[in-house]
Amino acid sequence: MADKKKVWKIASNVLFGVLIIALVVPTSRMWIQQGLMKIGLFKPNLETPKAEATSTENKPASNQPEVSFTDDNDKITHISDLKGKVVFLNFWATWCPPCKAEMPSIQQLKEKFAGNDQVVFMLVEIEQNKEGAHAFLKEGKLDLPIYYPATEIPANWLGQSIPTTVILDKAGNIAAHHEGMADYSRKEVYNFITELINK
């Protein structure tokens, strides 16, 4: 009986140690978060925010403030120039483990739309850390288009938390807004974007 208690105590101490390491080491956290996404947690919110649905009825997209982003070559992309396309915007930073954890799912979603010029993916590294962004992409073997803010990001797009994802419809209005990590490789995300393309 004493031996069983001793073994149980050692096993629980080892498990506790593993959990502490997993919480402290960022790469371990990312691995755990990705595992939780694979079992069906972290579903993205694909509903138009109520405030946005009300405001866009009274305020045409053409009257919304101009938002622009730059790429690595300092080429500016204005969101207004992307009218007629569905735009998937993901706001992230290189120091954010949940941001990094969801990136492979965004890669999978992007690959499902390969060759479709009706959808644009823009992963916006909000702190202008070009070197860190590309180091992460290389390490994760990801092929995602990285952009950086060239103008102020509207508060209804990006509040106080990252990662945040915004999907704009072809008129430039918010079709979906999700704060926090999510699994974007899910079939319902693909279907949601496909429906927006076909409207």
N, C-alpha and C. Protein backbone atom coordinates (compact mmCIF):
# COMPACT_ATOMS: atom_id res chain seq x y z
N MET A 1 0.83 -1.21 0.00
CA MET A 1 0.00 0.00 0.00
C MET A 1 0.86 1.25 0.00
N ALA A 2 1.94 1.23 0.82
CA ALA A 2 2.85 2.37 0.90
C ALA A 2 3.56 2.57 -0.42
N ASP A 3 3.88 1.45 -1.14
CA ASP A 3 4.55 1.54 -2.43
C ASP A 3 3.64 2.21 -3.47
N LYS A 4 2.35 1.88 -3.44
CA LYS A 4 1.40 2.48 -4.38
C LYS A 4 1.29 3.98 -4.15
N LYS A 5 1.26 4.37 -2.89
CA LYS A 5 1.19 5.80 -2.57
C LYS A 5 2.44 6.52 -3.04
N LYS A 6 3.60 5.89 -2.88
CA LYS A 6 4.87 6.49 -3.29
C LYS A 6 4.91 6.65 -4.81
N VAL A 7 4.48 5.60 -5.52
CA VAL A 7 4.46 5.67 -6.99
C VAL A 7 3.49 6.76 -7.45
N TRP A 8 2.32 6.82 -6.83
CA TRP A 8 1.32 7.83 -7.18
C TRP A 8 1.86 9.24 -6.94
N LYS A 9 2.57 9.42 -5.82
CA LYS A 9 3.14 10.73 -5.49
C LYS A 9 4.19 11.14 -6.52
N ILE A 10 5.05 10.19 -6.90
CA ILE A 10 6.09 10.48 -7.90
C ILE A 10 5.44 10.82 -9.24
N ALA A 11 4.44 10.01 -9.64
CA ALA A 11 3.77 10.24 -10.92
C ALA A 11 3.07 11.60 -10.94
N SER A 12 2.40 11.95 -9.85
CA SER A 12 1.70 13.24 -9.82
C SER A 12 2.70 14.40 -9.82
N ASN A 13 3.85 14.24 -9.17
CA ASN A 13 4.88 15.29 -9.19
C ASN A 13 5.47 15.47 -10.59
N VAL A 14 5.67 14.35 -11.28
CA VAL A 14 6.19 14.41 -12.65
C VAL A 14 5.17 15.11 -13.56
N LEU A 15 3.90 14.71 -13.45
CA LEU A 15 2.84 15.33 -14.26
C LEU A 15 2.74 16.82 -13.98
N PHE A 16 2.81 17.20 -12.70
CA PHE A 16 2.76 18.60 -12.32
C PHE A 16 3.94 19.37 -12.94
N GLY A 17 5.13 18.76 -12.90
CA GLY A 17 6.32 19.38 -13.49
C GLY A 17 6.17 19.58 -14.99
N VAL A 18 5.62 18.57 -15.66
CA VAL A 18 5.41 18.66 -17.12
C VAL A 18 4.42 19.79 -17.44
N LEU A 19 3.36 19.90 -16.65
CA LEU A 19 2.37 20.97 -16.88
C LEU A 19 2.98 22.35 -16.66
N ILE A 20 3.80 22.48 -15.63
CA ILE A 20 4.47 23.78 -15.38
C ILE A 20 5.37 24.15 -16.55
N ILE A 21 6.16 23.18 -17.02
CA ILE A 21 7.05 23.44 -18.17
C ILE A 21 6.22 23.82 -19.40
N ALA A 22 5.12 23.11 -19.61
CA ALA A 22 4.26 23.39 -20.76
C ALA A 22 3.68 24.79 -20.71
N LEU A 23 3.37 25.27 -19.51
CA LEU A 23 2.82 26.62 -19.38
C LEU A 23 3.88 27.70 -19.50
N VAL A 24 5.11 27.38 -19.14
CA VAL A 24 6.17 28.38 -19.15
C VAL A 24 6.86 28.48 -20.51
N VAL A 25 7.08 27.35 -21.15
CA VAL A 25 7.80 27.35 -22.44
C VAL A 25 6.81 27.65 -23.56
N PRO A 26 7.00 28.77 -24.29
CA PRO A 26 6.03 29.18 -25.32
C PRO A 26 5.77 28.12 -26.38
N THR A 27 6.79 27.42 -26.83
CA THR A 27 6.56 26.42 -27.89
C THR A 27 5.69 25.28 -27.38
N SER A 28 5.83 24.94 -26.10
CA SER A 28 4.97 23.89 -25.52
C SER A 28 3.53 24.36 -25.47
N ARG A 29 3.34 25.62 -25.08
CA ARG A 29 1.98 26.18 -25.03
C ARG A 29 1.34 26.14 -26.41
N MET A 30 2.13 26.50 -27.42
CA MET A 30 1.61 26.51 -28.78
C MET A 30 1.20 25.11 -29.20
N TRP A 31 2.01 24.12 -28.86
CA TRP A 31 1.70 22.73 -29.21
C TRP A 31 0.41 22.29 -28.54
N ILE A 32 0.24 22.63 -27.25
CA ILE A 32 -0.98 22.27 -26.52
C ILE A 32 -2.19 22.96 -27.14
N GLN A 33 -2.05 24.25 -27.47
CA GLN A 33 -3.16 25.00 -28.07
C GLN A 33 -3.56 24.41 -29.41
N GLN A 34 -2.58 24.02 -30.21
CA GLN A 34 -2.90 23.41 -31.51
C GLN A 34 -3.60 22.07 -31.32
N GLY A 35 -3.19 21.33 -30.30
CA GLY A 35 -3.85 20.06 -30.00
C GLY A 35 -5.30 20.26 -29.61
N LEU A 36 -5.56 21.29 -28.80
CA LEU A 36 -6.93 21.59 -28.40
C LEU A 36 -7.78 22.02 -29.59
N MET A 37 -7.17 22.74 -30.55
CA MET A 37 -7.91 23.11 -31.75
C MET A 37 -8.30 21.87 -32.55
N LYS A 38 -7.39 20.89 -32.61
CA LYS A 38 -7.65 19.69 -33.41
C LYS A 38 -8.78 18.84 -32.85
N ILE A 39 -9.02 18.94 -31.53
CA ILE A 39 -10.11 18.14 -30.97
C ILE A 39 -11.45 18.88 -30.98
N GLY A 40 -11.46 20.06 -31.63
CA GLY A 40 -12.74 20.74 -31.84
C GLY A 40 -12.98 21.97 -30.98
N LEU A 41 -12.02 22.34 -30.17
CA LEU A 41 -12.17 23.57 -29.39
C LEU A 41 -11.75 24.76 -30.23
N PHE A 42 -12.04 25.95 -29.75
CA PHE A 42 -11.64 27.20 -30.40
C PHE A 42 -12.27 27.37 -31.78
N LYS A 43 -13.58 27.23 -31.84
CA LYS A 43 -14.30 27.48 -33.08
C LYS A 43 -14.42 28.99 -33.28
N PRO A 44 -14.16 29.48 -34.49
CA PRO A 44 -14.27 30.93 -34.73
C PRO A 44 -15.72 31.39 -34.76
N ASN A 45 -15.93 32.62 -34.34
CA ASN A 45 -17.25 33.23 -34.40
C ASN A 45 -17.46 33.77 -35.82
N LEU A 46 -18.44 33.24 -36.52
CA LEU A 46 -18.68 33.63 -37.90
C LEU A 46 -19.98 34.42 -38.06
N GLU A 47 -20.29 35.22 -37.06
CA GLU A 47 -21.49 36.05 -37.13
C GLU A 47 -21.08 37.51 -37.23
N THR A 48 -21.84 38.27 -38.02
CA THR A 48 -21.59 39.70 -38.12
C THR A 48 -21.90 40.34 -36.78
N PRO A 49 -20.94 41.13 -36.23
CA PRO A 49 -21.23 41.80 -34.96
C PRO A 49 -22.48 42.66 -35.08
N LYS A 50 -23.32 42.65 -34.04
CA LYS A 50 -24.60 43.39 -34.08
C LYS A 50 -24.38 44.87 -34.33
N ALA A 51 -23.38 45.46 -33.68
CA ALA A 51 -23.12 46.89 -33.86
C ALA A 51 -22.75 47.18 -35.31
N GLU A 52 -21.98 46.30 -35.91
CA GLU A 52 -21.56 46.48 -37.31
C GLU A 52 -22.74 46.32 -38.25
N ALA A 53 -23.59 45.34 -37.98
CA ALA A 53 -24.75 45.12 -38.84
C ALA A 53 -25.66 46.34 -38.83
N THR A 54 -25.81 46.97 -37.68
CA THR A 54 -26.64 48.18 -37.57
C THR A 54 -25.97 49.37 -38.24
N SER A 55 -24.66 49.53 -37.98
CA SER A 55 -23.98 50.71 -38.50
C SER A 55 -23.83 50.69 -40.01
N THR A 56 -23.65 49.49 -40.60
CA THR A 56 -23.46 49.45 -42.05
C THR A 56 -24.75 49.71 -42.80
N GLU A 57 -25.87 49.53 -42.13
CA GLU A 57 -27.15 49.86 -42.79
C GLU A 57 -27.26 51.37 -42.99
N ASN A 58 -26.69 52.12 -42.07
CA ASN A 58 -26.79 53.58 -42.12
C ASN A 58 -25.56 54.24 -42.74
N LYS A 59 -24.46 53.49 -42.79
CA LYS A 59 -23.20 54.08 -43.24
C LYS A 59 -22.60 53.21 -44.35
N PRO A 60 -22.68 53.66 -45.58
CA PRO A 60 -22.13 52.86 -46.67
C PRO A 60 -20.63 52.62 -46.49
N ALA A 61 -20.16 51.48 -46.99
CA ALA A 61 -18.73 51.15 -46.86
C ALA A 61 -17.85 52.22 -47.49
N SER A 62 -18.34 52.90 -48.52
CA SER A 62 -17.55 53.93 -49.19
C SER A 62 -17.26 55.11 -48.27
N ASN A 63 -18.08 55.30 -47.22
CA ASN A 63 -17.87 56.40 -46.29
C ASN A 63 -17.02 56.00 -45.09
N GLN A 64 -16.60 54.74 -45.01
CA GLN A 64 -15.78 54.30 -43.89
C GLN A 64 -14.35 54.81 -44.09
N PRO A 65 -13.61 55.00 -42.97
CA PRO A 65 -12.25 55.53 -43.10
C PRO A 65 -11.36 54.59 -43.90
N GLU A 66 -10.41 55.19 -44.63
CA GLU A 66 -9.48 54.40 -45.44
C GLU A 66 -8.49 53.69 -44.52
N VAL A 67 -8.30 52.42 -44.74
CA VAL A 67 -7.35 51.62 -43.98
C VAL A 67 -6.35 51.05 -44.97
N SER A 68 -5.06 51.17 -44.63
CA SER A 68 -4.02 50.72 -45.55
C SER A 68 -2.96 49.90 -44.81
N PHE A 69 -2.33 49.03 -45.56
CA PHE A 69 -1.27 48.18 -45.03
C PHE A 69 -0.12 48.15 -46.02
N THR A 70 1.09 47.89 -45.52
CA THR A 70 2.26 47.77 -46.39
C THR A 70 2.78 46.34 -46.34
N ASP A 71 3.45 45.95 -47.43
CA ASP A 71 4.09 44.64 -47.42
C ASP A 71 5.58 44.82 -47.17
N ASP A 72 6.35 43.77 -47.35
CA ASP A 72 7.80 43.84 -47.08
C ASP A 72 8.53 44.77 -48.03
N ASN A 73 7.95 45.03 -49.18
CA ASN A 73 8.57 45.93 -50.16
C ASN A 73 8.02 47.35 -50.06
N ASP A 74 7.31 47.64 -48.96
CA ASP A 74 6.71 48.95 -48.70
C ASP A 74 5.64 49.32 -49.72
N LYS A 75 5.12 48.31 -50.42
CA LYS A 75 3.99 48.56 -51.32
C LYS A 75 2.73 48.70 -50.48
N ILE A 76 1.97 49.76 -50.71
CA ILE A 76 0.77 50.02 -49.92
C ILE A 76 -0.45 49.36 -50.57
N THR A 77 -1.24 48.69 -49.73
CA THR A 77 -2.51 48.13 -50.17
C THR A 77 -3.61 48.83 -49.39
N HIS A 78 -4.51 49.48 -50.11
CA HIS A 78 -5.66 50.14 -49.49
C HIS A 78 -6.82 49.15 -49.50
N ILE A 79 -7.49 49.02 -48.38
CA ILE A 79 -8.63 48.10 -48.30
C ILE A 79 -9.69 48.47 -49.34
N SER A 80 -9.83 49.77 -49.60
CA SER A 80 -10.84 50.20 -50.58
C SER A 80 -10.53 49.66 -51.99
N ASP A 81 -9.26 49.38 -52.28
CA ASP A 81 -8.89 48.82 -53.58
C ASP A 81 -9.27 47.35 -53.70
N LEU A 82 -9.64 46.72 -52.58
CA LEU A 82 -9.98 45.31 -52.60
C LEU A 82 -11.49 45.06 -52.65
N LYS A 83 -12.25 46.14 -52.90
CA LYS A 83 -13.70 45.99 -53.02
C LYS A 83 -13.99 45.00 -54.14
N GLY A 84 -14.99 44.16 -53.93
CA GLY A 84 -15.29 43.12 -54.90
C GLY A 84 -14.64 41.80 -54.53
N LYS A 85 -13.79 41.81 -53.49
CA LYS A 85 -13.14 40.59 -53.01
C LYS A 85 -13.46 40.41 -51.54
N VAL A 86 -13.43 39.18 -51.08
CA VAL A 86 -13.56 38.89 -49.66
C VAL A 86 -12.15 39.00 -49.07
N VAL A 87 -12.03 39.69 -47.94
CA VAL A 87 -10.72 39.93 -47.32
C VAL A 87 -10.67 39.27 -45.95
N PHE A 88 -9.69 38.39 -45.77
CA PHE A 88 -9.45 37.72 -44.48
C PHE A 88 -8.28 38.44 -43.82
N LEU A 89 -8.56 39.17 -42.76
CA LEU A 89 -7.53 39.93 -42.03
C LEU A 89 -7.28 39.27 -40.68
N ASN A 90 -6.02 38.96 -40.41
CA ASN A 90 -5.66 38.39 -39.10
C ASN A 90 -4.62 39.31 -38.48
N PHE A 91 -4.94 39.86 -37.31
CA PHE A 91 -4.03 40.75 -36.59
C PHE A 91 -3.28 39.94 -35.53
N TRP A 92 -1.94 40.01 -35.57
CA TRP A 92 -1.12 39.19 -34.69
C TRP A 92 0.18 39.89 -34.36
N ALA A 93 0.98 39.28 -33.48
CA ALA A 93 2.32 39.78 -33.14
C ALA A 93 3.23 38.59 -32.91
N THR A 94 4.51 38.79 -33.12
CA THR A 94 5.46 37.68 -33.03
C THR A 94 5.63 37.15 -31.62
N TRP A 95 5.30 37.94 -30.60
CA TRP A 95 5.47 37.51 -29.21
C TRP A 95 4.24 36.78 -28.67
N CYS A 96 3.22 36.58 -29.49
CA CYS A 96 1.92 36.07 -29.04
C CYS A 96 1.77 34.58 -29.36
N PRO A 97 1.90 33.67 -28.35
CA PRO A 97 1.77 32.23 -28.63
C PRO A 97 0.43 31.82 -29.25
N PRO A 98 -0.74 32.34 -28.79
CA PRO A 98 -1.98 31.94 -29.46
C PRO A 98 -2.03 32.37 -30.92
N CYS A 99 -1.41 33.53 -31.23
CA CYS A 99 -1.35 33.98 -32.63
C CYS A 99 -0.62 32.95 -33.48
N LYS A 100 0.52 32.51 -32.95
CA LYS A 100 1.33 31.54 -33.69
C LYS A 100 0.63 30.18 -33.77
N ALA A 101 -0.08 29.82 -32.71
CA ALA A 101 -0.74 28.51 -32.68
C ALA A 101 -1.80 28.37 -33.77
N GLU A 102 -2.49 29.47 -34.10
CA GLU A 102 -3.56 29.38 -35.09
C GLU A 102 -3.06 29.51 -36.53
N MET A 103 -1.81 29.92 -36.71
CA MET A 103 -1.28 30.15 -38.06
C MET A 103 -1.37 28.93 -38.99
N PRO A 104 -1.02 27.71 -38.53
CA PRO A 104 -1.15 26.57 -39.45
C PRO A 104 -2.58 26.37 -39.95
N SER A 105 -3.58 26.68 -39.12
CA SER A 105 -4.96 26.53 -39.58
C SER A 105 -5.30 27.58 -40.64
N ILE A 106 -4.72 28.79 -40.51
CA ILE A 106 -4.93 29.82 -41.53
C ILE A 106 -4.24 29.39 -42.83
N GLN A 107 -3.06 28.78 -42.71
CA GLN A 107 -2.35 28.26 -43.89
C GLN A 107 -3.23 27.25 -44.62
N GLN A 108 -3.86 26.35 -43.88
CA GLN A 108 -4.72 25.34 -44.49
C GLN A 108 -5.92 25.99 -45.19
N LEU A 109 -6.50 27.00 -44.55
CA LEU A 109 -7.63 27.70 -45.17
C LEU A 109 -7.18 28.39 -46.46
N LYS A 110 -6.05 29.05 -46.40
CA LYS A 110 -5.53 29.76 -47.59
C LYS A 110 -5.30 28.77 -48.74
N GLU A 111 -4.77 27.60 -48.41
CA GLU A 111 -4.51 26.60 -49.45
C GLU A 111 -5.80 26.11 -50.10
N LYS A 112 -6.90 26.08 -49.34
CA LYS A 112 -8.19 25.66 -49.92
C LYS A 112 -8.67 26.65 -50.97
N PHE A 113 -8.21 27.90 -50.88
CA PHE A 113 -8.62 28.93 -51.84
C PHE A 113 -7.50 29.24 -52.85
N ALA A 114 -6.52 28.35 -52.95
CA ALA A 114 -5.42 28.55 -53.90
C ALA A 114 -5.96 28.76 -55.30
N GLY A 115 -5.49 29.80 -55.96
CA GLY A 115 -5.92 30.09 -57.33
C GLY A 115 -7.21 30.88 -57.42
N ASN A 116 -7.86 31.14 -56.29
CA ASN A 116 -9.11 31.90 -56.29
C ASN A 116 -8.79 33.36 -56.00
N ASP A 117 -8.91 34.22 -57.00
CA ASP A 117 -8.56 35.63 -56.82
C ASP A 117 -9.70 36.45 -56.21
N GLN A 118 -10.77 35.77 -55.78
CA GLN A 118 -11.89 36.47 -55.16
C GLN A 118 -11.74 36.60 -53.64
N VAL A 119 -10.67 36.02 -53.09
CA VAL A 119 -10.41 36.12 -51.65
C VAL A 119 -8.95 36.52 -51.44
N VAL A 120 -8.74 37.45 -50.50
CA VAL A 120 -7.40 37.96 -50.21
C VAL A 120 -7.09 37.69 -48.74
N PHE A 121 -5.92 37.13 -48.48
CA PHE A 121 -5.47 36.88 -47.11
C PHE A 121 -4.41 37.92 -46.73
N MET A 122 -4.61 38.55 -45.59
CA MET A 122 -3.66 39.56 -45.10
C MET A 122 -3.40 39.28 -43.62
N LEU A 123 -2.20 38.84 -43.30
CA LEU A 123 -1.83 38.61 -41.91
C LEU A 123 -1.03 39.81 -41.45
N VAL A 124 -1.62 40.60 -40.57
CA VAL A 124 -1.07 41.90 -40.20
C VAL A 124 -0.31 41.80 -38.89
N GLU A 125 1.02 41.88 -38.99
CA GLU A 125 1.88 41.88 -37.79
C GLU A 125 1.85 43.31 -37.26
N ILE A 126 1.17 43.52 -36.15
CA ILE A 126 0.82 44.87 -35.70
C ILE A 126 2.00 45.68 -35.17
N GLU A 127 3.14 45.04 -34.91
CA GLU A 127 4.27 45.77 -34.32
C GLU A 127 5.41 46.01 -35.30
N GLN A 128 5.16 45.78 -36.57
CA GLN A 128 6.15 46.06 -37.63
C GLN A 128 7.43 45.23 -37.48
N ASN A 129 7.35 44.06 -36.87
CA ASN A 129 8.52 43.22 -36.65
C ASN A 129 8.73 42.30 -37.85
N LYS A 130 9.30 42.85 -38.90
CA LYS A 130 9.48 42.10 -40.14
C LYS A 130 10.39 40.90 -39.95
N GLU A 131 11.50 41.12 -39.28
CA GLU A 131 12.48 40.04 -39.08
C GLU A 131 11.86 38.89 -38.29
N GLY A 132 11.18 39.21 -37.19
CA GLY A 132 10.55 38.19 -36.36
C GLY A 132 9.44 37.46 -37.09
N ALA A 133 8.66 38.19 -37.89
CA ALA A 133 7.56 37.59 -38.63
C ALA A 133 8.08 36.56 -39.62
N HIS A 134 9.12 36.92 -40.35
CA HIS A 134 9.65 36.00 -41.36
C HIS A 134 10.39 34.83 -40.74
N ALA A 135 11.03 35.06 -39.58
CA ALA A 135 11.68 33.96 -38.88
C ALA A 135 10.64 32.93 -38.45
N PHE A 136 9.51 33.39 -37.95
CA PHE A 136 8.45 32.48 -37.53
C PHE A 136 7.89 31.70 -38.72
N LEU A 137 7.63 32.41 -39.84
CA LEU A 137 7.09 31.73 -41.02
C LEU A 137 8.05 30.65 -41.52
N LYS A 138 9.33 30.99 -41.52
CA LYS A 138 10.34 30.03 -41.99
C LYS A 138 10.39 28.82 -41.07
N GLU A 139 10.39 29.07 -39.77
CA GLU A 139 10.44 27.99 -38.79
C GLU A 139 9.22 27.08 -38.90
N GLY A 140 8.06 27.65 -39.13
CA GLY A 140 6.82 26.87 -39.23
C GLY A 140 6.52 26.38 -40.63
N LYS A 141 7.41 26.67 -41.59
CA LYS A 141 7.21 26.29 -43.00
C LYS A 141 5.86 26.77 -43.51
N LEU A 142 5.58 28.05 -43.23
CA LEU A 142 4.32 28.66 -43.62
C LEU A 142 4.53 29.63 -44.77
N ASP A 143 3.54 29.70 -45.64
CA ASP A 143 3.59 30.60 -46.80
C ASP A 143 2.39 31.53 -46.72
N LEU A 144 2.49 32.52 -45.84
CA LEU A 144 1.37 33.43 -45.61
C LEU A 144 1.81 34.86 -45.92
N PRO A 145 0.93 35.66 -46.52
CA PRO A 145 1.26 37.04 -46.88
C PRO A 145 1.22 37.96 -45.64
N ILE A 146 2.39 38.48 -45.29
CA ILE A 146 2.50 39.33 -44.10
C ILE A 146 2.42 40.80 -44.50
N TYR A 147 1.64 41.54 -43.74
CA TYR A 147 1.48 42.99 -43.93
C TYR A 147 1.69 43.69 -42.60
N TYR A 148 1.82 45.02 -42.68
CA TYR A 148 2.05 45.85 -41.50
C TYR A 148 1.15 47.08 -41.61
N PRO A 149 0.65 47.60 -40.48
CA PRO A 149 -0.26 48.75 -40.55
C PRO A 149 0.42 49.98 -41.15
N ALA A 150 -0.26 50.62 -42.09
CA ALA A 150 0.22 51.88 -42.66
C ALA A 150 -0.65 53.04 -42.19
N THR A 151 -1.83 52.71 -41.67
CA THR A 151 -2.75 53.71 -41.11
C THR A 151 -3.26 53.14 -39.78
N GLU A 152 -4.02 53.94 -39.08
CA GLU A 152 -4.62 53.46 -37.84
C GLU A 152 -5.64 52.37 -38.16
N ILE A 153 -5.64 51.32 -37.35
CA ILE A 153 -6.59 50.23 -37.53
C ILE A 153 -7.88 50.60 -36.79
N PRO A 154 -9.02 50.54 -37.45
CA PRO A 154 -10.27 50.91 -36.78
C PRO A 154 -10.52 50.07 -35.52
N ALA A 155 -11.07 50.71 -34.49
CA ALA A 155 -11.31 50.04 -33.21
C ALA A 155 -12.31 48.89 -33.36
N ASN A 156 -13.22 48.98 -34.33
CA ASN A 156 -14.18 47.88 -34.50
C ASN A 156 -13.55 46.69 -35.25
N TRP A 157 -12.33 46.88 -35.76
CA TRP A 157 -11.58 45.77 -36.34
C TRP A 157 -10.69 45.14 -35.29
N LEU A 158 -9.90 45.98 -34.61
CA LEU A 158 -8.93 45.49 -33.63
C LEU A 158 -9.11 46.26 -32.34
N GLY A 159 -9.56 45.55 -31.31
CA GLY A 159 -9.75 46.17 -30.01
C GLY A 159 -8.48 46.08 -29.19
N GLN A 160 -8.56 45.40 -28.06
CA GLN A 160 -7.42 45.32 -27.14
C GLN A 160 -6.74 43.96 -27.14
N SER A 161 -7.21 43.00 -27.91
CA SER A 161 -6.60 41.67 -27.82
C SER A 161 -6.21 41.14 -29.19
N ILE A 162 -5.16 40.31 -29.16
CA ILE A 162 -4.74 39.58 -30.35
C ILE A 162 -4.58 38.12 -29.94
N PRO A 163 -4.75 37.20 -30.86
CA PRO A 163 -5.10 37.43 -32.25
C PRO A 163 -6.56 37.87 -32.41
N THR A 164 -6.78 38.66 -33.43
CA THR A 164 -8.13 39.04 -33.83
C THR A 164 -8.23 38.84 -35.34
N THR A 165 -9.32 38.25 -35.76
CA THR A 165 -9.55 38.03 -37.19
C THR A 165 -10.82 38.73 -37.62
N VAL A 166 -10.73 39.41 -38.76
CA VAL A 166 -11.87 40.11 -39.35
C VAL A 166 -12.02 39.61 -40.78
N ILE A 167 -13.22 39.26 -41.15
CA ILE A 167 -13.50 38.88 -42.54
C ILE A 167 -14.43 39.95 -43.12
N LEU A 168 -13.95 40.60 -44.19
CA LEU A 168 -14.73 41.65 -44.85
C LEU A 168 -15.45 41.06 -46.06
N ASP A 169 -16.69 41.48 -46.25
CA ASP A 169 -17.41 41.04 -47.43
C ASP A 169 -16.95 41.84 -48.65
N LYS A 170 -17.54 41.58 -49.80
CA LYS A 170 -17.08 42.22 -51.03
C LYS A 170 -17.34 43.72 -51.07
N ALA A 171 -18.22 44.20 -50.19
CA ALA A 171 -18.47 45.65 -50.11
C ALA A 171 -17.53 46.33 -49.12
N GLY A 172 -16.71 45.54 -48.41
CA GLY A 172 -15.78 46.11 -47.43
C GLY A 172 -16.35 46.20 -46.03
N ASN A 173 -17.52 45.59 -45.81
CA ASN A 173 -18.14 45.58 -44.48
C ASN A 173 -17.71 44.34 -43.70
N ILE A 174 -17.74 44.44 -42.38
CA ILE A 174 -17.37 43.30 -41.53
C ILE A 174 -18.46 42.23 -41.63
N ALA A 175 -18.05 41.06 -42.11
CA ALA A 175 -18.96 39.91 -42.18
C ALA A 175 -18.80 39.03 -40.95
N ALA A 176 -17.58 39.01 -40.39
CA ALA A 176 -17.31 38.23 -39.18
C ALA A 176 -16.14 38.88 -38.44
N HIS A 177 -16.18 38.76 -37.12
CA HIS A 177 -15.14 39.33 -36.25
C HIS A 177 -14.92 38.37 -35.10
N HIS A 178 -13.68 37.89 -34.94
CA HIS A 178 -13.39 36.95 -33.86
C HIS A 178 -12.14 37.38 -33.10
N GLU A 179 -12.28 37.53 -31.78
CA GLU A 179 -11.12 37.83 -30.93
C GLU A 179 -10.68 36.55 -30.25
N GLY A 180 -9.38 36.32 -30.25
CA GLY A 180 -8.82 35.12 -29.64
C GLY A 180 -8.47 34.08 -30.68
N MET A 181 -7.77 33.06 -30.20
CA MET A 181 -7.30 31.99 -31.06
C MET A 181 -8.48 31.18 -31.60
N ALA A 182 -8.35 30.71 -32.84
CA ALA A 182 -9.40 29.89 -33.43
C ALA A 182 -8.80 28.97 -34.49
N ASP A 183 -9.56 27.92 -34.79
CA ASP A 183 -9.16 26.97 -35.83
C ASP A 183 -9.86 27.36 -37.13
N TYR A 184 -9.11 27.96 -38.04
CA TYR A 184 -9.69 28.44 -39.31
C TYR A 184 -9.65 27.39 -40.40
N SER A 185 -9.16 26.19 -40.09
CA SER A 185 -9.16 25.13 -41.10
C SER A 185 -10.51 24.41 -41.14
N ARG A 186 -11.41 24.79 -40.27
CA ARG A 186 -12.72 24.13 -40.17
C ARG A 186 -13.56 24.34 -41.44
N LYS A 187 -14.36 23.34 -41.76
CA LYS A 187 -15.18 23.38 -42.98
C LYS A 187 -16.15 24.55 -42.98
N GLU A 188 -16.68 24.90 -41.81
CA GLU A 188 -17.65 25.99 -41.77
C GLU A 188 -17.02 27.34 -42.13
N VAL A 189 -15.71 27.50 -41.88
CA VAL A 189 -15.04 28.75 -42.27
C VAL A 189 -14.92 28.81 -43.79
N TYR A 190 -14.50 27.70 -44.39
CA TYR A 190 -14.42 27.63 -45.84
C TYR A 190 -15.79 27.91 -46.47
N ASN A 191 -16.82 27.30 -45.92
CA ASN A 191 -18.18 27.50 -46.46
C ASN A 191 -18.64 28.95 -46.29
N PHE A 192 -18.32 29.55 -45.16
CA PHE A 192 -18.69 30.93 -44.89
C PHE A 192 -18.07 31.88 -45.91
N ILE A 193 -16.77 31.71 -46.16
CA ILE A 193 -16.08 32.56 -47.13
C ILE A 193 -16.60 32.30 -48.54
N THR A 194 -16.85 31.04 -48.87
CA THR A 194 -17.38 30.70 -50.19
C THR A 194 -18.74 31.36 -50.42
N GLU A 195 -19.58 31.38 -49.39
CA GLU A 195 -20.88 32.05 -49.52
C GLU A 195 -20.70 33.54 -49.76
N LEU A 196 -19.74 34.15 -49.07
CA LEU A 196 -19.48 35.59 -49.29
C LEU A 196 -18.99 35.85 -50.71
N ILE A 197 -18.16 34.96 -51.22
CA ILE A 197 -17.66 35.11 -52.60
C ILE A 197 -18.81 35.04 -53.59
N ASN A 198 -19.74 34.15 -53.33
CA ASN A 198 -20.83 33.91 -54.28
C ASN A 198 -21.97 34.91 -54.19
N LYS A 199 -21.95 35.80 -53.21
CA LYS A 199 -23.03 36.81 -53.08
C LYS A 199 -22.89 37.88 -54.12
